[in-house]
N, C-alpha and C. Protein backbone atom coordinates (compact mmCIF):
# COMPACT_ATOMS: atom_id res chain seq x y z
N UNK A 1 -5.10 -57.29 -232.91
CA UNK A 1 -4.48 -56.48 -233.34
C UNK A 1 -4.33 -57.68 -235.04
N UNK A 2 -5.38 -58.37 -235.13
CA UNK A 2 -4.83 -58.96 -236.95
C UNK A 2 -4.07 -60.13 -236.55
N UNK A 3 -4.02 -60.92 -235.67
CA UNK A 3 -3.53 -62.28 -235.52
C UNK A 3 -2.01 -61.88 -234.42
N UNK A 4 -1.40 -60.74 -235.18
CA UNK A 4 -0.23 -60.54 -234.70
C UNK A 4 0.17 -59.89 -233.10
N UNK A 5 -0.98 -59.89 -232.55
CA UNK A 5 -0.81 -59.14 -231.03
C UNK A 5 0.16 -58.40 -230.69
N UNK A 6 0.71 -57.94 -229.58
CA UNK A 6 1.07 -56.41 -229.16
C UNK A 6 2.83 -57.28 -229.46
N UNK A 7 3.14 -58.15 -230.02
CA UNK A 7 4.61 -58.24 -229.83
C UNK A 7 4.68 -57.36 -230.90
N UNK A 8 3.82 -57.48 -232.09
CA UNK A 8 4.47 -56.48 -233.55
C UNK A 8 4.92 -55.18 -232.99
N UNK A 9 4.86 -54.91 -232.20
CA UNK A 9 5.25 -53.15 -231.58
C UNK A 9 6.61 -53.52 -230.66
N UNK A 10 6.88 -53.84 -229.96
CA UNK A 10 7.64 -54.55 -229.46
C UNK A 10 8.94 -54.77 -229.80
N UNK A 11 9.14 -55.22 -231.71
CA UNK A 11 9.78 -56.29 -232.42
C UNK A 11 10.65 -54.95 -232.52
N UNK A 12 12.32 -55.25 -232.32
CA UNK A 12 13.45 -54.48 -232.90
C UNK A 12 13.87 -53.40 -230.85
N UNK A 13 13.16 -53.71 -229.98
CA UNK A 13 13.07 -53.03 -229.22
C UNK A 13 12.59 -51.66 -229.26
N UNK A 14 11.06 -51.61 -229.54
CA UNK A 14 10.15 -50.70 -230.18
C UNK A 14 11.17 -49.23 -231.11
N UNK A 15 11.49 -49.86 -232.09
CA UNK A 15 12.22 -49.10 -232.77
C UNK A 15 10.74 -48.40 -233.85
N UNK A 16 9.92 -48.61 -233.79
CA UNK A 16 8.86 -48.15 -234.53
C UNK A 16 8.84 -46.62 -233.35
N UNK A 17 9.14 -46.03 -233.33
CA UNK A 17 8.97 -45.06 -232.19
C UNK A 17 10.52 -43.89 -232.67
N UNK A 18 11.40 -44.54 -233.55
CA UNK A 18 12.42 -44.18 -233.91
C UNK A 18 11.46 -42.90 -234.96
N UNK A 19 11.42 -43.53 -236.03
CA UNK A 19 10.25 -42.13 -237.60
C UNK A 19 9.08 -42.01 -236.63
N UNK A 20 8.72 -42.22 -235.84
CA UNK A 20 8.05 -40.76 -235.51
C UNK A 20 8.33 -39.60 -234.67
N UNK A 21 9.03 -40.12 -233.49
CA UNK A 21 9.24 -38.82 -232.27
C UNK A 21 10.60 -38.61 -233.15
N UNK A 22 11.41 -38.27 -234.00
CA UNK A 22 12.77 -38.54 -234.16
C UNK A 22 12.38 -37.05 -235.54
N UNK A 23 11.89 -36.38 -235.90
CA UNK A 23 11.39 -35.72 -236.66
C UNK A 23 10.98 -34.29 -235.74
N UNK A 24 10.29 -34.52 -234.91
CA UNK A 24 9.52 -33.50 -233.30
C UNK A 24 11.49 -32.83 -232.77
N UNK A 25 11.97 -33.82 -232.28
CA UNK A 25 13.30 -33.25 -232.14
C UNK A 25 14.42 -33.40 -232.52
N UNK A 26 14.69 -33.77 -234.39
CA UNK A 26 14.92 -33.05 -234.73
C UNK A 26 14.79 -31.26 -235.42
N UNK A 27 13.08 -31.32 -235.90
CA UNK A 27 12.59 -29.71 -235.87
C UNK A 27 13.19 -29.13 -234.74
N UNK A 28 12.85 -29.48 -233.85
CA UNK A 28 13.95 -28.26 -232.75
C UNK A 28 15.28 -28.31 -231.91
N UNK A 29 15.60 -29.50 -232.32
CA UNK A 29 16.84 -28.87 -232.46
C UNK A 29 17.63 -27.76 -233.66
N UNK A 30 17.36 -27.98 -234.83
CA UNK A 30 17.60 -27.09 -235.93
C UNK A 30 17.22 -26.03 -235.92
N UNK A 31 15.51 -25.88 -234.91
CA UNK A 31 14.78 -24.16 -234.79
C UNK A 31 15.90 -23.49 -233.98
N UNK A 32 16.47 -24.31 -232.66
CA UNK A 32 17.61 -24.02 -231.81
C UNK A 32 18.45 -23.60 -232.74
N UNK A 33 18.78 -24.24 -233.91
CA UNK A 33 20.90 -24.14 -233.67
C UNK A 33 20.68 -23.42 -234.73
N UNK A 34 19.03 -22.47 -235.40
CA UNK A 34 19.63 -21.42 -236.42
C UNK A 34 19.89 -20.54 -235.29
N UNK A 35 18.56 -20.37 -234.46
CA UNK A 35 18.02 -19.21 -233.09
C UNK A 35 19.92 -18.54 -233.10
N UNK A 36 20.46 -19.29 -232.55
CA UNK A 36 21.59 -19.50 -232.13
C UNK A 36 23.48 -18.74 -232.92
N UNK A 37 23.06 -19.38 -234.21
CA UNK A 37 23.77 -19.20 -234.80
C UNK A 37 23.65 -18.42 -236.37
N UNK A 38 22.18 -18.24 -236.33
CA UNK A 38 22.07 -16.90 -237.77
C UNK A 38 21.28 -15.71 -236.81
N UNK A 39 20.12 -16.34 -235.77
CA UNK A 39 19.64 -15.37 -235.46
C UNK A 39 19.94 -14.41 -234.57
N UNK A 40 21.15 -14.45 -233.93
CA UNK A 40 21.75 -13.72 -233.20
C UNK A 40 22.47 -12.81 -234.21
N UNK A 41 22.71 -12.55 -235.57
CA UNK A 41 23.38 -12.38 -235.87
C UNK A 41 22.84 -11.15 -237.27
N UNK A 42 21.27 -11.11 -237.27
CA UNK A 42 20.58 -10.10 -237.40
C UNK A 42 19.49 -9.29 -236.47
N UNK A 43 20.00 -8.14 -237.47
CA UNK A 43 20.36 -6.72 -236.71
C UNK A 43 18.63 -6.49 -236.51
N UNK A 44 18.05 -6.12 -235.47
CA UNK A 44 16.29 -5.51 -235.32
C UNK A 44 16.37 -4.72 -236.15
N UNK A 45 15.42 -4.72 -237.02
CA UNK A 45 15.40 -3.27 -238.25
C UNK A 45 13.64 -3.32 -237.12
N UNK A 46 13.31 -2.58 -237.79
CA UNK A 46 11.57 -1.87 -237.99
C UNK A 46 10.67 -2.46 -239.00
N UNK A 47 9.94 -3.03 -239.47
CA UNK A 47 8.97 -3.23 -240.40
C UNK A 47 8.86 -1.90 -241.43
N UNK A 48 9.12 -1.87 -241.99
CA UNK A 48 8.97 -0.89 -243.47
C UNK A 48 7.31 -0.46 -243.44
N UNK A 49 6.33 -1.14 -242.69
CA UNK A 49 4.73 0.02 -242.34
C UNK A 49 5.32 0.77 -241.12
N UNK A 50 6.05 0.82 -240.45
CA UNK A 50 6.88 1.56 -239.40
C UNK A 50 7.26 3.43 -239.76
N UNK A 51 7.96 2.93 -241.28
CA UNK A 51 8.37 3.89 -240.71
C UNK A 51 7.71 5.44 -241.52
N UNK A 52 7.88 6.64 -241.80
CA UNK A 52 7.18 7.84 -241.23
C UNK A 52 6.23 7.69 -242.92
N UNK A 53 4.76 7.55 -242.78
CA UNK A 53 3.90 6.98 -244.38
C UNK A 53 3.02 8.58 -243.59
N UNK A 54 2.62 9.49 -245.35
CA UNK A 54 1.66 10.06 -245.13
C UNK A 54 0.30 9.61 -245.29
N UNK A 55 -0.44 10.38 -243.82
CA UNK A 55 -1.43 9.95 -243.88
C UNK A 55 -2.40 11.21 -243.74
N UNK A 56 -3.64 10.56 -243.57
CA UNK A 56 -4.90 12.13 -242.88
C UNK A 56 -4.87 11.48 -241.95
N UNK A 57 -5.80 12.34 -240.92
CA UNK A 57 -5.94 13.01 -239.55
C UNK A 57 -5.89 11.78 -238.56
N UNK A 58 -6.67 10.02 -239.98
CA UNK A 58 -6.96 9.13 -238.81
C UNK A 58 -5.85 7.95 -239.48
N UNK A 59 -4.44 7.90 -239.92
CA UNK A 59 -3.79 7.54 -239.78
C UNK A 59 -4.18 6.28 -241.10
N UNK A 60 -4.88 7.23 -241.87
CA UNK A 60 -5.26 5.69 -243.51
C UNK A 60 -4.06 6.51 -244.51
N UNK A 61 -3.07 6.06 -245.79
CA UNK A 61 -2.30 6.48 -246.48
C UNK A 61 -3.11 7.15 -247.42
N UNK A 62 -2.10 8.26 -247.43
CA UNK A 62 -3.19 9.02 -248.33
C UNK A 62 -2.58 8.47 -250.49
N UNK A 63 -1.81 7.33 -250.22
CA UNK A 63 -2.12 6.61 -252.07
C UNK A 63 -1.18 5.12 -250.83
N UNK A 64 -1.69 4.50 -251.66
CA UNK A 64 -1.54 2.70 -252.02
C UNK A 64 0.30 3.05 -251.82
N UNK A 65 0.65 3.53 -252.87
CA UNK A 65 2.18 3.39 -252.60
C UNK A 65 3.26 3.94 -251.65
N UNK A 66 2.06 4.46 -250.72
CA UNK A 66 3.15 4.63 -248.83
C UNK A 66 2.69 3.43 -248.62
N UNK A 67 1.89 2.54 -248.27
CA UNK A 67 2.12 1.24 -247.78
C UNK A 67 3.61 0.55 -247.81
N UNK A 68 4.22 0.54 -249.04
CA UNK A 68 5.06 -0.57 -249.87
C UNK A 68 6.40 0.09 -248.74
């Protein structure tokens, strides 16, 4: 380890792990809290492409404006 040995990684009780691991736990906590506090408030709606579109017999839209 370039003259320092493994003591470098045990400095301040392995503090170097905090900046490496903390973002992962923070992202999980943020996603969970968003789902709990905001996600339940959003009603489930079918996507716009699931609405009735004018199609030919094979399901292909007759006009490209029917896709939106």
